Amino acid sequence: MLAEELTKKAHTRTQFAGWSPDGKKAVVPSLWESPENAAWERKHRTFRMTEGWLVDSCLLDLATGKLTNLTAVDRVSIYNTGLFYLPDGKGFGFTPLIKGVSKPFVMDFDGKNKRDVSGAGGGFAYGYSASPDGKRISYHENYQIYISNADGRDKRKVETRNTRSTSCRSGPPTVSGCCSSQVSTTTATRTS
């Protein structure tokens, strides 16, 4: 069994989340939730992802069986999801929860040098993806679509004429569970 060590701790589960560009590695998240937090969430019928969780994004080398927990290196959060390879070959994108707010982050291939690329603003981000050349990123923040340079500079809101952009019509589902926001910069407006 591959990545068996991810399932040995009680109350832990895992799933497949994506591939490396060459198909030699699999993205495999490890999700642990304390029984106390699970009971609290059932009782209150809501999620509480700021405590009682440990969610990490790992890479599984299919040839060797080696598992690397990238989000545990220089950890920035207890809840790290949506790991994907940046198309420019410079590392990974992922979305950690920082003080209960999901943010687009990038990191090097070794899991180091993690940095927030959300630019100006502090909204809840999801549906994070990168352009094919790796120079731009897109994501939803507070139900609106934004694009920016890969480092978070030049953040622009995409005018959708919707007050709440929750539809996944802009592209296929991504590893983070939402749709990619493949947009044209001609419809974007600067936010700062």
Protein backbone atom coordinates (compact mmCIF):
# COMPACT_ATOMS: atom_id res chain seq x y z
CA MET A 1 0.00 0.00 0.00
CA LEU A 2 1.33 3.44 -0.91
CA ALA A 3 1.50 6.22 1.72
CA GLU A 4 0.28 3.81 4.40
CA GLU A 5 1.93 5.90 7.13
CA LEU A 6 -0.67 8.63 6.53
CA THR A 7 -3.46 6.35 7.78
CA LYS A 8 -1.80 4.83 10.85
CA LYS A 9 -2.75 7.65 13.26
CA ALA A 10 -6.32 7.38 14.58
CA HIS A 11 -8.85 9.86 13.12
CA THR A 12 -6.72 10.44 10.03
CA ARG A 13 -7.82 10.12 6.45
CA THR A 14 -6.29 10.86 3.11
CA GLN A 15 -7.24 11.20 -0.52
CA PHE A 16 -5.68 11.69 -3.94
CA ALA A 17 -5.42 15.37 -4.94
CA GLY A 18 -3.30 15.59 -8.10
CA TRP A 19 -0.20 14.70 -10.09
CA SER A 20 3.23 16.13 -10.74
CA PRO A 21 3.59 17.37 -14.34
CA ASP A 22 5.65 14.27 -15.22
CA GLY A 23 3.19 11.88 -13.53
CA LYS A 24 5.88 10.44 -11.23
CA LYS A 25 4.55 11.92 -7.98
CA ALA A 26 1.09 12.14 -6.49
CA VAL A 27 -0.25 14.97 -4.31
CA VAL A 28 -1.74 13.36 -1.23
CA PRO A 29 -3.22 15.38 1.64
CA SER A 30 -3.22 14.06 5.19
CA LEU A 31 -6.27 15.13 7.21
CA TRP A 32 -6.50 14.58 10.97
CA GLU A 33 -9.35 15.88 13.11
CA SER A 34 -9.63 15.45 16.85
CA PRO A 35 -12.75 13.58 18.03
CA GLU A 36 -13.57 16.55 20.29
CA ASN A 37 -13.54 18.97 17.38
CA ALA A 38 -15.58 16.60 15.21
CA ALA A 39 -18.21 16.38 17.98
CA TRP A 40 -18.25 20.17 18.36
CA GLU A 41 -18.72 20.60 14.58
CA ARG A 42 -21.58 18.09 14.50
CA LYS A 43 -23.27 19.74 17.48
CA HIS A 44 -22.95 23.26 16.06
CA ARG A 45 -23.47 22.25 12.42
CA THR A 46 -20.52 24.29 11.24
CA PHE A 47 -16.83 23.87 10.57
CA ARG A 48 -14.20 25.08 13.02
CA MET A 49 -10.92 24.81 11.18
CA THR A 50 -8.85 26.95 13.53
CA GLU A 51 -8.30 24.18 16.07
CA GLY A 52 -8.60 20.42 16.34
CA TRP A 53 -7.24 19.85 12.84
CA LEU A 54 -3.91 19.04 11.26
CA VAL A 55 -4.13 19.07 7.48
CA ASP A 56 -0.97 18.78 5.41
CA SER A 57 -0.14 18.43 1.74
CA CYS A 58 2.34 15.69 0.85
CA LEU A 59 4.09 14.39 -2.25
CA LEU A 60 4.34 10.67 -2.85
CA ASP A 61 7.12 9.46 -5.15
CA LEU A 62 5.48 6.51 -6.91
CA ALA A 63 8.78 4.81 -7.85
CA THR A 64 10.34 4.86 -4.36
CA GLY A 65 7.27 5.16 -2.13
CA LYS A 66 8.93 8.14 -0.37
CA LEU A 67 6.44 10.53 1.18
CA THR A 68 7.40 14.19 1.71
CA ASN A 69 5.22 16.44 3.87
CA LEU A 70 5.90 19.82 2.28
CA THR A 71 3.59 21.92 4.44
CA ALA A 72 5.17 20.64 7.69
CA VAL A 73 8.49 22.25 6.66
CA ASP A 74 8.62 25.72 8.26
CA ARG A 75 4.90 25.31 9.04
CA VAL A 76 2.71 28.39 8.52
CA SER A 77 -0.64 26.77 9.40
CA ILE A 78 -2.33 23.69 10.85
CA TYR A 79 -4.65 23.59 7.81
CA ASN A 80 -2.89 23.43 4.41
CA THR A 81 -4.75 22.39 1.25
CA GLY A 82 -4.79 22.79 -2.53
CA LEU A 83 -1.14 21.92 -3.26
CA PHE A 84 -0.29 22.24 -6.96
CA TYR A 85 2.83 22.56 -9.06
CA LEU A 86 3.52 26.06 -10.35
CA PRO A 87 3.78 25.89 -14.14
CA ASP A 88 7.06 27.79 -14.26
CA GLY A 89 8.83 24.94 -12.44
CA LYS A 90 9.76 27.13 -9.47
CA GLY A 91 7.78 25.42 -6.72
CA PHE A 92 4.24 24.97 -5.47
CA GLY A 93 1.10 26.91 -4.77
CA PHE A 94 -1.15 26.02 -1.82
CA THR A 95 -3.79 27.54 0.45
CA PRO A 96 -3.15 27.56 4.20
CA LEU A 97 -5.61 28.93 6.74
CA ILE A 98 -3.95 31.86 8.53
CA LYS A 99 -5.92 32.93 11.61
CA GLY A 100 -8.98 31.28 10.07
CA VAL A 101 -8.57 32.96 6.68
CA SER A 102 -7.53 30.96 3.60
CA LYS A 103 -4.70 32.63 1.66
CA PRO A 104 -2.89 31.85 -1.60
CA PHE A 105 0.75 30.99 -0.82
CA VAL A 106 3.75 29.79 -2.79
CA MET A 107 6.77 27.79 -1.64
CA ASP A 108 9.96 26.31 -3.03
CA PHE A 109 10.21 22.61 -4.01
CA ASP A 110 11.74 21.75 -0.61
CA GLY A 111 8.79 23.29 1.29
CA LYS A 112 10.81 26.32 2.40
CA ASN A 113 10.41 30.01 1.61
CA LYS A 114 6.62 30.04 2.04
CA ARG A 115 5.08 33.40 1.25
CA ASP A 116 1.62 34.96 1.03
CA VAL A 117 0.82 36.17 -2.50
CA SER A 118 -2.66 37.55 -1.80
CA GLY A 119 -1.49 41.14 -2.26
CA ALA A 120 -3.56 43.93 -0.76
CA GLY A 121 -6.66 42.80 1.11
CA GLY A 122 -7.36 40.16 3.65
CA GLY A 123 -10.33 38.19 2.39
CA PHE A 124 -10.93 34.44 2.40
CA ALA A 125 -9.31 33.03 -0.77
CA TYR A 126 -10.00 29.78 -2.61
CA GLY A 127 -9.89 28.38 -6.15
CA TYR A 128 -6.23 29.37 -6.52
CA SER A 129 -4.49 28.62 -9.82
CA ALA A 130 -1.60 29.88 -11.94
CA SER A 131 -1.39 30.90 -15.59
CA PRO A 132 0.33 28.42 -17.93
CA ASP A 133 3.53 30.51 -17.96
CA GLY A 134 3.49 30.92 -14.15
CA LYS A 135 3.62 34.73 -14.30
CA ARG A 136 0.07 35.38 -13.06
CA ILE A 137 -2.22 33.84 -10.47
CA SER A 138 -5.96 33.91 -10.03
CA TYR A 139 -8.21 33.11 -7.10
CA HIS A 140 -11.54 33.91 -5.52
CA GLU A 141 -11.45 36.24 -2.52
CA ASN A 142 -14.65 36.98 -0.63
CA TYR A 143 -16.63 35.54 -3.57
CA GLN A 144 -14.96 37.80 -6.13
CA ILE A 145 -12.33 36.85 -8.72
CA TYR A 146 -8.85 38.40 -8.58
CA ILE A 147 -5.75 38.12 -10.70
CA SER A 148 -2.26 39.37 -9.89
CA ASN A 149 1.39 38.83 -10.65
CA ALA A 150 2.66 35.54 -9.22
CA ASP A 151 4.21 37.44 -6.29
CA GLY A 152 0.89 39.12 -5.40
CA ARG A 153 1.71 42.54 -6.88
CA ASP A 154 -0.63 44.29 -9.32
CA LYS A 155 -3.76 42.67 -7.82
CA ARG A 156 -6.85 43.30 -9.91
CA LYS A 157 -10.50 42.47 -9.35
CA VAL A 158 -12.28 40.89 -12.30
CA GLU A 159 -15.59 42.63 -12.86
CA THR A 160 -18.22 39.93 -13.14
CA ARG A 161 -21.27 42.11 -12.47
CA ASN A 162 -22.20 39.55 -9.81
CA THR A 163 -22.19 40.45 -6.14
CA ARG A 164 -21.27 36.89 -5.25
CA SER A 165 -19.23 34.87 -7.73
CA THR A 166 -19.65 31.24 -6.65
CA SER A 167 -20.26 29.57 -9.99
CA CYS A 168 -17.63 27.25 -11.41
CA ARG A 169 -18.14 28.21 -15.03
CA SER A 170 -14.65 29.62 -15.58
CA GLY A 171 -12.79 26.34 -15.82
CA PRO A 172 -12.31 22.79 -14.64
CA PRO A 173 -12.11 21.85 -10.96
CA THR A 174 -8.68 22.30 -9.38
CA VAL A 175 -7.03 20.28 -6.63
CA SER A 176 -8.27 22.77 -4.07
CA GLY A 177 -11.81 21.76 -4.91
CA CYS A 178 -13.01 24.86 -6.69
CA CYS A 179 -12.74 25.91 -10.28
CA SER A 180 -9.79 27.60 -11.86
CA SER A 181 -10.30 31.27 -12.58
CA GLN A 182 -8.98 31.51 -16.10
CA VAL A 183 -9.69 35.12 -16.94
CA SER A 184 -8.61 37.86 -19.29
CA THR A 185 -6.72 40.82 -17.85
CA THR A 186 -8.78 43.15 -20.04
CA THR A 187 -11.74 42.84 -17.64
CA ALA A 188 -9.71 43.42 -14.49
CA THR A 189 -9.62 46.56 -12.39
CA ARG A 190 -6.85 47.52 -10.00
CA THR A 191 -7.73 47.27 -6.28
CA SER A 192 -4.85 49.22 -4.79
